Amino acid sequence: MKHKRKDRPVDKKLSLPMSVVSRVDAHLRDPLTQRPPHGLWAKLITALLIKWLDGEVKVTIPLRQAKPLDDFLNDLNTAPEIQKGTEESV
């Protein structure tokens, strides 16, 4: 009987600059296969994200914050009204 993982993996797709990927691959490369071992990228990214979430790693680029729903609704309420019935018939 297989044990279920407590923290199941989720697939995420992201694009990274080739220069960054090449540098990381060079550090992770297995000398025998000339490739990073299977799963090592995921382990590295997971470790970095956990350190970031725990406040051990600071991000130097501003992260876009989601706008609170109330602000979004206020923006909609203050937007100029669309005038109905002013369109010309074709």
C-alpha atoms as a PDB file:
ATOM      1  CA  MET A   1       0.000   0.000   0.000  1.00  0.00           C
ATOM      2  CA  LYS A   2       1.390   3.405  -1.030  1.00  0.00           C
ATOM      3  CA  HIS A   3       1.593   6.198   1.510  1.00  0.00           C
ATOM      4  CA  LYS A   4       0.004   9.455   0.431  1.00  0.00           C
ATOM      5  CA  ARG A   5       2.281  12.473   0.491  1.00  0.00           C
ATOM      6  CA  LYS A   6       1.344  15.078   3.057  1.00  0.00           C
ATOM      7  CA  ASP A   7       2.461  17.925   0.808  1.00  0.00           C
ATOM      8  CA  ARG A   8       1.702  16.917  -2.773  1.00  0.00           C
ATOM      9  CA  PRO A   9       3.638  18.590  -5.598  1.00  0.00           C
ATOM     10  CA  VAL A  10       1.945  21.020  -7.974  1.00  0.00           C
ATOM     11  CA  ASP A  11       3.193  21.695 -11.497  1.00  0.00           C
ATOM     12  CA  LYS A  12       3.993  25.351 -12.242  1.00  0.00           C
ATOM     13  CA  LYS A  13       5.283  26.673 -15.554  1.00  0.00           C
ATOM     14  CA  LEU A  14       7.702  29.584 -15.526  1.00  0.00           C
ATOM     15  CA  SER A  15      10.160  31.134 -17.921  1.00  0.00           C
ATOM     16  CA  LEU A  16      13.653  32.069 -16.800  1.00  0.00           C
ATOM     17  CA  PRO A  17      16.385  33.924 -18.661  1.00  0.00           C
ATOM     18  CA  MET A  18      18.745  31.538 -20.456  1.00  0.00           C
ATOM     19  CA  SER A  19      21.758  33.120 -18.756  1.00  0.00           C
ATOM     20  CA  VAL A  20      20.335  32.288 -15.307  1.00  0.00           C
ATOM     21  CA  VAL A  21      19.411  28.734 -16.299  1.00  0.00           C
ATOM     22  CA  SER A  22      22.875  28.123 -17.727  1.00  0.00           C
ATOM     23  CA  ARG A  23      24.584  29.361 -14.564  1.00  0.00           C
ATOM     24  CA  VAL A  24      22.357  27.280 -12.273  1.00  0.00           C
ATOM     25  CA  ASP A  25      22.739  24.199 -14.480  1.00  0.00           C
ATOM     26  CA  ALA A  26      26.522  24.612 -14.290  1.00  0.00           C
ATOM     27  CA  HIS A  27      26.341  24.498 -10.488  1.00  0.00           C
ATOM     28  CA  LEU A  28      23.923  21.571 -10.374  1.00  0.00           C
ATOM     29  CA  ARG A  29      25.447  19.519 -13.227  1.00  0.00           C
ATOM     30  CA  ASP A  30      26.364  15.895 -12.522  1.00  0.00           C
ATOM     31  CA  PRO A  31      29.837  15.333 -14.031  1.00  0.00           C
ATOM     32  CA  LEU A  32      28.876  11.898 -15.305  1.00  0.00           C
ATOM     33  CA  THR A  33      25.621  12.778 -17.104  1.00  0.00           C
ATOM     34  CA  GLN A  34      26.421  16.475 -17.760  1.00  0.00           C
ATOM     35  CA  ARG A  35      22.870  17.288 -16.547  1.00  0.00           C
ATOM     36  CA  PRO A  36      21.399  18.268 -13.201  1.00  0.00           C
ATOM     37  CA  PRO A  37      20.043  15.206 -11.362  1.00  0.00           C
ATOM     38  CA  HIS A  38      16.286  14.681 -11.640  1.00  0.00           C
ATOM     39  CA  GLY A  39      14.364  16.842  -9.168  1.00  0.00           C
ATOM     40  CA  LEU A  40      17.292  19.001  -8.087  1.00  0.00           C
ATOM     41  CA  TRP A  41      15.875  22.156  -9.674  1.00  0.00           C
ATOM     42  CA  ALA A  42      12.602  21.636  -7.788  1.00  0.00           C
ATOM     43  CA  LYS A  43      14.475  21.107  -4.510  1.00  0.00           C
ATOM     44  CA  LEU A  44      16.507  24.283  -5.052  1.00  0.00           C
ATOM     45  CA  ILE A  45      13.470  26.423  -5.912  1.00  0.00           C
ATOM     46  CA  THR A  46      11.491  24.971  -2.982  1.00  0.00           C
ATOM     47  CA  ALA A  47      14.332  25.711  -0.543  1.00  0.00           C
ATOM     48  CA  LEU A  48      14.672  29.285  -1.855  1.00  0.00           C
ATOM     49  CA  LEU A  49      10.926  29.946  -1.668  1.00  0.00           C
ATOM     50  CA  ILE A  50      10.734  28.617   1.901  1.00  0.00           C
ATOM     51  CA  LYS A  51      13.621  30.889   2.926  1.00  0.00           C
ATOM     52  CA  TRP A  52      11.849  33.830   1.249  1.00  0.00           C
ATOM     53  CA  LEU A  53       8.549  33.035   2.980  1.00  0.00           C
ATOM     54  CA  ASP A  54      10.351  32.764   6.335  1.00  0.00           C
ATOM     55  CA  GLY A  55      11.954  36.185   5.766  1.00  0.00           C
ATOM     56  CA  GLU A  56      15.496  34.825   5.428  1.00  0.00           C
ATOM     57  CA  VAL A  57      15.844  35.964   1.809  1.00  0.00           C
ATOM     58  CA  LYS A  58      14.904  39.477   0.730  1.00  0.00           C
ATOM     59  CA  VAL A  59      13.662  40.159  -2.776  1.00  0.00           C
ATOM     60  CA  THR A  60      15.170  43.256  -4.356  1.00  0.00           C
ATOM     61  CA  ILE A  61      12.450  43.769  -6.963  1.00  0.00           C
ATOM     62  CA  PRO A  62       9.024  45.146  -6.017  1.00  0.00           C
ATOM     63  CA  LEU A  63       6.352  42.485  -6.060  1.00  0.00           C
ATOM     64  CA  ARG A  64       2.980  43.570  -7.422  1.00  0.00           C
ATOM     65  CA  GLN A  65       0.421  43.534  -4.660  1.00  0.00           C
ATOM     66  CA  ALA A  66      -3.133  42.506  -5.396  1.00  0.00           C
ATOM     67  CA  LYS A  67      -5.552  45.374  -5.034  1.00  0.00           C
ATOM     68  CA  PRO A  68      -8.077  44.892  -2.210  1.00  0.00           C
ATOM     69  CA  LEU A  69     -11.564  44.090  -3.484  1.00  0.00           C
ATOM     70  CA  ASP A  70     -13.042  47.228  -1.852  1.00  0.00           C
ATOM     71  CA  ASP A  71     -10.578  49.440  -3.754  1.00  0.00           C
ATOM     72  CA  PHE A  72     -11.444  47.659  -7.000  1.00  0.00           C
ATOM     73  CA  LEU A  73     -15.182  48.147  -6.399  1.00  0.00           C
ATOM     74  CA  ASN A  74     -14.666  51.827  -5.483  1.00  0.00           C
ATOM     75  CA  ASP A  75     -12.754  52.338  -8.735  1.00  0.00           C
ATOM     76  CA  LEU A  76     -15.665  50.815 -10.648  1.00  0.00           C
ATOM     77  CA  ASN A  77     -18.162  53.042  -8.851  1.00  0.00           C
ATOM     78  CA  THR A  78     -16.185  56.218  -9.580  1.00  0.00           C
ATOM     79  CA  ALA A  79     -15.490  55.374 -13.246  1.00  0.00           C
ATOM     80  CA  PRO A  80     -17.217  57.624 -15.798  1.00  0.00           C
ATOM     81  CA  GLU A  81     -20.636  56.324 -16.707  1.00  0.00           C
ATOM     82  CA  ILE A  82     -21.148  54.862 -20.140  1.00  0.00           C
ATOM     83  CA  GLN A  83     -23.912  56.805 -21.812  1.00  0.00           C
ATOM     84  CA  LYS A  84     -26.591  54.435 -22.954  1.00  0.00           C
ATOM     85  CA  GLY A  85     -28.566  55.076 -26.096  1.00  0.00           C
ATOM     86  CA  THR A  86     -26.007  57.404 -27.650  1.00  0.00           C
ATOM     87  CA  GLU A  87     -24.662  54.871 -30.104  1.00  0.00           C
ATOM     88  CA  GLU A  88     -25.631  55.453 -33.680  1.00  0.00           C
ATOM     89  CA  SER A  89     -27.586  52.729 -35.429  1.00  0.00           C
ATOM     90  CA  VAL A  90     -25.898  51.141 -38.356  1.00  0.00           C
END
